Amino acid sequence: MKKPSDKIRRVGLIGNSTKVSCADAITRAARLIRAARREVLCDVDTAAMAGLRATICPDTAQLARKADLLLVFGGDGTMLRVAREIAGSQTPMLGVNIGALGFLTAVPSDHLARALQRVWNGEFTFEARSLVEARARTGGRTVQQSALNDIVISRGIASRLIELEVGVDGEPLTNYRCDGLIVSSPTGSTAYSLAAGGAVVHPTADVLQLTPICPHTLSNRSLILPFSAVLTVRVARPTPVILSADGNVVTELSAGDEIVVRRSRRTVRLMHLKGSSFYETLRVKLHWRGANL
């Protein structure tokens, strides 16, 4: 009977081309993969950045279709980009941290050899993560975007409060006067939502989190909703408003525009090395030591 690791014969490499230090880690990874008698694949940008001779795919989506595992080199931003580009694929991702915090990138770059050996030994599990999606009607056109972390509706360059009418499953919730509103997936609870005062949510919890940014009413707190909830957000005042997904601007919104945010049908698969856990990540990445400051 074949081990799960025996099915990993083709490994795709994706790097953040803006991080010079990625090239060395990618080159080392390619060498280790070939030494294990596996095939190396990469996208065009990664091949150019690292000077790799490998099977080249024109884009990330095609790379995911051909590879059995994707190694993603960079920080959380790179993981979020790749997650959006391959959403719905069954090809798992394993993040190699070249950045600073790296909440989604599980492997430090200096532990790469050890981590790959554990992959070849079959010491891993897979975890599905759901995305959230937003659909907006603005200026006579419909825009739609998915996000692994969060959908954010926020003020533009004007330093003024915006007003948002929010409903849940067809029922009015409240009018927020605030700098913005974050709708985060469980994965995104430790990102912008946490900085805005939201709760830490386990990434496999079946919930959405609604977190206002600097609300004018102090009783407006972060709200946990079922993942099945459908949120409607209407821009209630003629103030410049921006819709973004995972920190990337999707479109500008005007008064009267409505956004619908819900759980996406698409997921991504993350690989976890055995022995790692979400609670370990909280202790290490967020420095939850329990000691006095």
Protein backbone atom coordinates (compact mmCIF):
# COMPACT_ATOMS: atom_id res chain seq x y z
CA MET A 1 0.00 0.00 0.00
CA LYS A 2 1.38 3.40 -1.00
CA LYS A 3 2.10 6.01 1.65
CA PRO A 4 0.62 9.51 1.11
CA SER A 5 4.16 10.81 0.58
CA ASP A 6 4.61 8.43 -2.38
CA LYS A 7 1.99 10.45 -4.24
CA ILE A 8 4.12 13.59 -4.00
CA ARG A 9 6.25 13.19 -7.12
CA ARG A 10 6.02 16.69 -8.60
CA VAL A 11 6.70 19.70 -6.38
CA GLY A 12 5.83 23.22 -7.55
CA LEU A 13 7.88 26.18 -6.31
CA ILE A 14 6.42 29.68 -6.06
CA GLY A 15 8.34 32.66 -4.69
CA ASN A 16 7.78 36.31 -3.92
CA SER A 17 9.81 38.04 -6.62
CA THR A 18 10.11 41.20 -4.50
CA LYS A 19 12.08 39.34 -1.81
CA VAL A 20 15.68 38.84 -2.95
CA SER A 21 16.30 36.27 -0.21
CA CYS A 22 13.67 33.98 -1.79
CA ALA A 23 16.02 33.01 -4.63
CA ASP A 24 18.52 31.21 -2.39
CA ALA A 25 15.81 29.28 -0.52
CA ILE A 26 14.14 28.25 -3.79
CA THR A 27 17.45 27.07 -5.25
CA ARG A 28 18.12 24.98 -2.11
CA ALA A 29 14.62 23.52 -2.28
CA ALA A 30 15.07 22.52 -5.94
CA ARG A 31 18.32 20.77 -5.09
CA LEU A 32 16.73 18.87 -2.18
CA ILE A 33 13.70 17.86 -4.24
CA ARG A 34 15.85 16.48 -7.07
CA ALA A 35 18.03 14.65 -4.56
CA ALA A 36 14.86 12.90 -3.37
CA ARG A 37 14.14 11.88 -6.98
CA ARG A 38 11.16 14.17 -7.31
CA GLU A 39 10.43 16.56 -10.19
CA VAL A 40 10.70 20.34 -9.78
CA LEU A 41 8.11 22.62 -11.40
CA CYS A 42 7.71 26.39 -11.12
CA ASP A 43 5.95 29.36 -12.64
CA VAL A 44 7.63 31.77 -15.06
CA ASP A 45 8.41 34.50 -12.50
CA THR A 46 9.91 32.08 -9.97
CA ALA A 47 12.11 30.46 -12.63
CA ALA A 48 13.41 33.86 -13.73
CA MET A 49 14.04 35.05 -10.17
CA ALA A 50 15.95 31.95 -9.04
CA GLY A 51 17.52 31.06 -12.39
CA LEU A 52 15.98 27.58 -12.26
CA ARG A 53 15.98 24.95 -14.95
CA ALA A 54 12.73 23.14 -14.34
CA THR A 55 9.36 22.36 -15.87
CA ILE A 56 7.84 25.81 -16.35
CA CYS A 57 4.12 26.56 -16.09
CA PRO A 58 2.72 29.86 -17.42
CA ASP A 59 0.85 30.75 -14.22
CA THR A 60 0.07 29.64 -10.70
CA ALA A 61 -3.24 27.96 -11.55
CA GLN A 62 -1.60 25.72 -14.17
CA LEU A 63 1.24 24.97 -11.77
CA ALA A 64 -1.29 23.77 -9.18
CA ARG A 65 -2.92 21.50 -11.76
CA LYS A 66 0.38 19.78 -12.58
CA ALA A 67 2.01 19.63 -9.12
CA ASP A 68 1.28 17.31 -6.21
CA LEU A 69 2.49 19.89 -3.67
CA LEU A 70 3.17 23.63 -3.81
CA LEU A 71 6.01 25.12 -1.77
CA VAL A 72 5.28 28.83 -1.34
CA PHE A 73 8.26 31.04 -0.42
CA GLY A 74 7.63 34.46 1.12
CA GLY A 75 5.38 35.78 3.85
CA ASP A 76 1.68 35.62 4.56
CA GLY A 77 0.97 38.00 1.67
CA THR A 78 2.44 35.51 -0.79
CA MET A 79 0.38 32.69 0.72
CA LEU A 80 -2.79 34.77 0.44
CA ARG A 81 -2.08 35.60 -3.21
CA VAL A 82 -1.44 31.99 -4.13
CA ALA A 83 -4.53 30.86 -2.20
CA ARG A 84 -6.73 33.20 -4.23
CA GLU A 85 -5.14 32.12 -7.51
CA ILE A 86 -5.56 28.37 -6.89
CA ALA A 87 -8.80 28.44 -4.88
CA GLY A 88 -10.78 25.26 -5.50
CA SER A 89 -7.66 23.21 -6.30
CA GLN A 90 -6.93 20.05 -4.34
CA THR A 91 -3.17 20.65 -4.51
CA PRO A 92 -1.91 21.39 -0.97
CA MET A 93 0.34 24.33 -0.07
CA LEU A 94 3.22 24.40 2.40
CA GLY A 95 4.53 27.86 3.24
CA VAL A 96 8.24 28.60 3.71
CA ASN A 97 8.72 31.77 5.72
CA ILE A 98 11.00 34.41 4.21
CA GLY A 99 9.05 37.24 5.84
CA ALA A 100 8.67 38.48 9.40
CA LEU A 101 5.65 37.10 11.29
CA GLY A 102 4.59 34.40 8.86
CA PHE A 103 1.39 33.15 10.50
CA LEU A 104 0.49 31.04 7.45
CA THR A 105 4.04 30.10 6.46
CA ALA A 106 4.72 27.08 8.64
CA VAL A 107 8.38 26.34 7.82
CA PRO A 108 11.28 28.71 8.61
CA SER A 109 13.62 28.84 5.60
CA ASP A 110 16.57 27.57 7.67
CA HIS A 111 14.56 24.42 8.55
CA LEU A 112 13.82 23.60 4.91
CA ALA A 113 15.92 20.41 4.62
CA ARG A 114 14.43 18.96 7.80
CA ALA A 115 10.90 19.89 6.74
CA LEU A 116 11.22 18.26 3.31
CA GLN A 117 12.60 15.10 4.87
CA ARG A 118 9.50 14.96 7.05
CA VAL A 119 7.35 15.38 3.94
CA TRP A 120 9.15 12.46 2.23
CA ASN A 121 8.61 10.42 5.43
CA GLY A 122 4.86 11.12 5.32
CA GLU A 123 4.86 13.13 8.56
CA PHE A 124 2.10 15.54 7.59
CA THR A 125 -1.63 16.15 7.55
CA PHE A 126 -3.88 18.25 5.34
CA GLU A 127 -6.36 20.90 6.40
CA ALA A 128 -9.02 22.57 4.25
CA ARG A 129 -9.51 26.31 4.69
CA SER A 130 -12.61 28.09 3.42
CA LEU A 131 -12.49 31.44 1.66
CA VAL A 132 -14.96 34.31 1.89
CA GLU A 133 -16.26 36.16 -1.14
CA ALA A 134 -17.77 39.56 -1.82
CA ARG A 135 -20.03 40.60 -4.66
CA ALA A 136 -20.77 44.28 -5.23
CA ARG A 137 -22.85 46.21 -7.70
CA THR A 138 -21.32 49.62 -8.44
CA GLY A 139 -21.33 52.02 -11.37
CA GLY A 140 -23.56 49.71 -13.41
CA ARG A 141 -21.18 46.74 -13.15
CA THR A 142 -20.83 43.73 -10.85
CA VAL A 143 -17.51 42.91 -9.22
CA GLN A 144 -16.67 39.77 -7.30
CA GLN A 145 -13.56 38.73 -5.36
CA SER A 146 -12.58 35.97 -2.94
CA ALA A 147 -10.23 36.19 0.04
CA LEU A 148 -8.63 33.71 2.41
CA ASN A 149 -8.28 36.23 5.24
CA ASP A 150 -10.83 39.00 4.97
CA ILE A 151 -13.07 41.31 3.02
CA VAL A 152 -12.74 44.93 4.18
CA ILE A 153 -14.99 47.89 3.47
CA SER A 154 -13.18 51.06 4.56
CA ARG A 155 -12.96 54.80 4.10
CA GLY A 156 -10.90 56.23 1.27
CA ILE A 157 -8.29 58.97 1.61
CA ALA A 158 -10.74 61.34 3.33
CA SER A 159 -10.32 61.26 7.10
CA ARG A 160 -14.06 61.03 7.79
CA LEU A 161 -16.30 58.36 9.26
CA ILE A 162 -18.29 56.28 6.83
CA GLU A 163 -21.76 54.90 7.50
CA LEU A 164 -22.63 51.31 6.63
CA GLU A 165 -26.05 49.66 6.91
CA VAL A 166 -25.47 46.01 7.75
CA GLY A 167 -27.93 43.12 7.58
CA VAL A 168 -27.58 39.40 8.31
CA ASP A 169 -29.66 36.82 6.45
CA GLY A 170 -32.14 39.47 5.35
CA GLU A 171 -32.60 40.98 8.83
CA PRO A 172 -31.23 44.44 9.74
CA LEU A 173 -28.32 44.32 12.21
CA THR A 174 -27.16 47.89 12.74
CA ASN A 175 -25.76 51.04 11.14
CA TYR A 176 -22.03 51.35 11.77
CA ARG A 177 -20.42 54.78 11.79
CA CYS A 178 -16.78 53.84 11.67
CA ASP A 179 -13.53 53.85 9.69
CA GLY A 180 -14.47 50.53 8.16
CA LEU A 181 -15.74 47.00 8.59
CA ILE A 182 -13.80 43.72 8.45
CA VAL A 183 -15.51 40.45 7.53
CA SER A 184 -12.95 37.75 8.27
CA SER A 185 -12.77 34.01 7.82
CA PRO A 186 -11.49 31.90 10.73
CA THR A 187 -8.06 31.97 9.03
CA GLY A 188 -8.17 35.78 8.94
CA SER A 189 -9.06 36.22 12.60
CA THR A 190 -5.37 36.64 13.48
CA ALA A 191 -4.80 39.28 10.79
CA TYR A 192 -6.43 42.75 10.48
CA SER A 193 -9.42 41.70 12.58
CA LEU A 194 -7.16 40.92 15.57
CA ALA A 195 -5.45 44.31 15.27
CA ALA A 196 -8.90 45.96 15.25
CA GLY A 197 -9.93 44.23 18.48
CA GLY A 198 -11.49 41.04 17.15
CA ALA A 199 -11.27 37.64 18.79
CA VAL A 200 -8.78 34.90 17.94
CA VAL A 201 -10.75 32.13 16.20
CA HIS A 202 -9.53 28.59 15.61
CA PRO A 203 -9.00 28.24 11.83
CA THR A 204 -11.29 25.20 11.53
CA ALA A 205 -14.22 26.87 13.33
CA ASP A 206 -17.35 27.25 11.18
CA VAL A 207 -17.80 30.99 11.74
CA LEU A 208 -17.51 34.44 10.20
CA GLN A 209 -16.29 37.39 12.23
CA LEU A 210 -17.62 40.92 11.79
CA THR A 211 -15.29 43.57 13.27
CA PRO A 212 -15.85 47.34 13.01
CA ILE A 213 -12.76 49.55 12.67
CA CYS A 214 -12.77 52.45 15.16
CA PRO A 215 -16.57 52.52 15.60
CA HIS A 216 -18.10 55.78 16.81
CA THR A 217 -20.37 53.85 19.18
CA LEU A 218 -18.28 52.15 21.84
CA SER A 219 -20.80 49.34 22.30
CA ASN A 220 -20.14 48.15 18.73
CA ARG A 221 -18.01 45.07 19.30
CA SER A 222 -16.73 42.27 17.13
CA LEU A 223 -19.51 39.79 16.32
CA ILE A 224 -19.16 36.06 15.66
CA LEU A 225 -21.66 34.66 13.14
CA PRO A 226 -22.33 31.22 11.64
CA PHE A 227 -20.31 30.57 8.49
CA SER A 228 -23.64 30.07 6.70
CA ALA A 229 -24.59 33.72 7.33
CA VAL A 230 -25.04 36.05 4.35
CA LEU A 231 -24.08 39.66 5.08
CA THR A 232 -25.37 42.67 3.19
CA VAL A 233 -23.55 45.98 3.58
CA ARG A 234 -24.95 49.17 2.05
CA VAL A 235 -22.96 52.40 1.79
CA ALA A 236 -25.28 54.91 3.46
CA ARG A 237 -23.41 58.22 3.05
CA PRO A 238 -21.73 59.95 0.08
CA THR A 239 -18.22 59.42 1.45
CA PRO A 240 -15.42 57.68 -0.53
CA VAL A 241 -15.39 53.96 0.35
CA ILE A 242 -13.00 51.20 -0.71
CA LEU A 243 -13.73 47.47 -1.04
CA SER A 244 -10.64 45.27 -0.60
CA ALA A 245 -9.88 41.55 -0.39
CA ASP A 246 -6.84 40.34 1.56
CA GLY A 247 -5.49 43.88 1.51
CA ASN A 248 -5.86 44.35 -2.26
CA VAL A 249 -8.21 47.05 -3.54
CA VAL A 250 -11.09 45.57 -5.53
CA THR A 251 -13.10 48.71 -6.33
CA GLU A 252 -14.30 52.08 -5.07
CA LEU A 253 -17.87 52.29 -3.82
CA SER A 254 -20.43 55.08 -3.77
CA ALA A 255 -23.48 55.91 -1.69
CA GLY A 256 -26.23 53.34 -2.27
CA ASP A 257 -23.89 50.58 -3.42
CA GLU A 258 -24.48 47.22 -1.75
CA ILE A 259 -22.01 44.44 -1.03
CA VAL A 260 -22.96 40.83 -0.29
CA VAL A 261 -20.38 38.83 1.67
CA ARG A 262 -20.65 35.09 2.27
CA ARG A 263 -18.66 31.91 2.57
CA SER A 264 -17.11 30.88 -0.71
CA ARG A 265 -17.76 27.40 -2.11
CA ARG A 266 -14.04 27.17 -2.84
CA THR A 267 -11.38 26.06 -0.39
CA VAL A 268 -7.61 25.69 -0.30
CA ARG A 269 -5.63 22.84 1.29
CA LEU A 270 -2.75 23.53 3.64
CA MET A 271 -0.14 20.95 4.57
CA HIS A 272 0.82 20.76 8.25
CA LEU A 273 3.86 18.89 9.49
CA LYS A 274 2.96 16.53 12.31
CA GLY A 275 3.60 17.94 15.76
CA SER A 276 2.70 21.48 14.76
CA SER A 277 -0.54 23.06 15.94
CA PHE A 278 -2.50 26.30 15.95
CA TYR A 279 -1.84 26.70 19.67
CA GLU A 280 1.90 26.39 19.11
CA THR A 281 1.61 29.10 16.47
CA LEU A 282 -0.14 31.39 18.96
CA ARG A 283 2.59 30.79 21.54
CA VAL A 284 5.46 31.31 19.12
CA LYS A 285 4.18 33.91 16.64
CA LEU A 286 2.16 36.04 19.08
CA HIS A 287 4.55 35.48 22.01
CA TRP A 288 1.91 34.04 24.34
CA ARG A 289 4.31 33.19 27.12
CA GLY A 290 2.20 33.75 30.21
CA ALA A 291 5.07 35.69 31.78
CA ASN A 292 4.90 39.11 33.38
CA LEU A 293 5.94 42.01 31.15
